[in-house]
Amino acid sequence: MFTGVTEKTDHLMAVACLMIRQSSNLVETGVVMPSEFADLQLLAVDINSCKSDVLPLRIIVVYRPPDFVSVNNDLFISALDWLGNGSTRLCVLGDLNLPAFNWEQFIYPDNNLCN
């Protein structure tokens, strides 16, 4: 299990958790992120197979608070870009708090966060 305490305030603590079943065929490694992303609520794990014909997978667990300001959104996008750079397969899970994003019809606002 990988966990990361990602935000601490007087009244709130957010924790990201990812549970991965142990397997002799898999190697899990937590991704160490640059310190500039330390205040974001992100947890990333690389999963590799012992079989050479299986591509590695990076899983990212995220939480984006609904009250994020523009500068935090830009940092969040930069972190996702950094995590995705060079990843062959990528899976992003979590709560992005995007109420104006229509997931069924894939209609979204024209802004930096959604584009």
Foldseek 3Di string as FASTA:
>chain_A
DDKDFQADDPVDIDMDDDDDDDDPFKDKDWDDDDPVCRNFAKTKIKIDGPDPVDFIEIEMEHDADLPDDPVVLVSVVVRVVVSPVPHPHYHYDYHNNQVQQDPVVRDHDPDPNSD
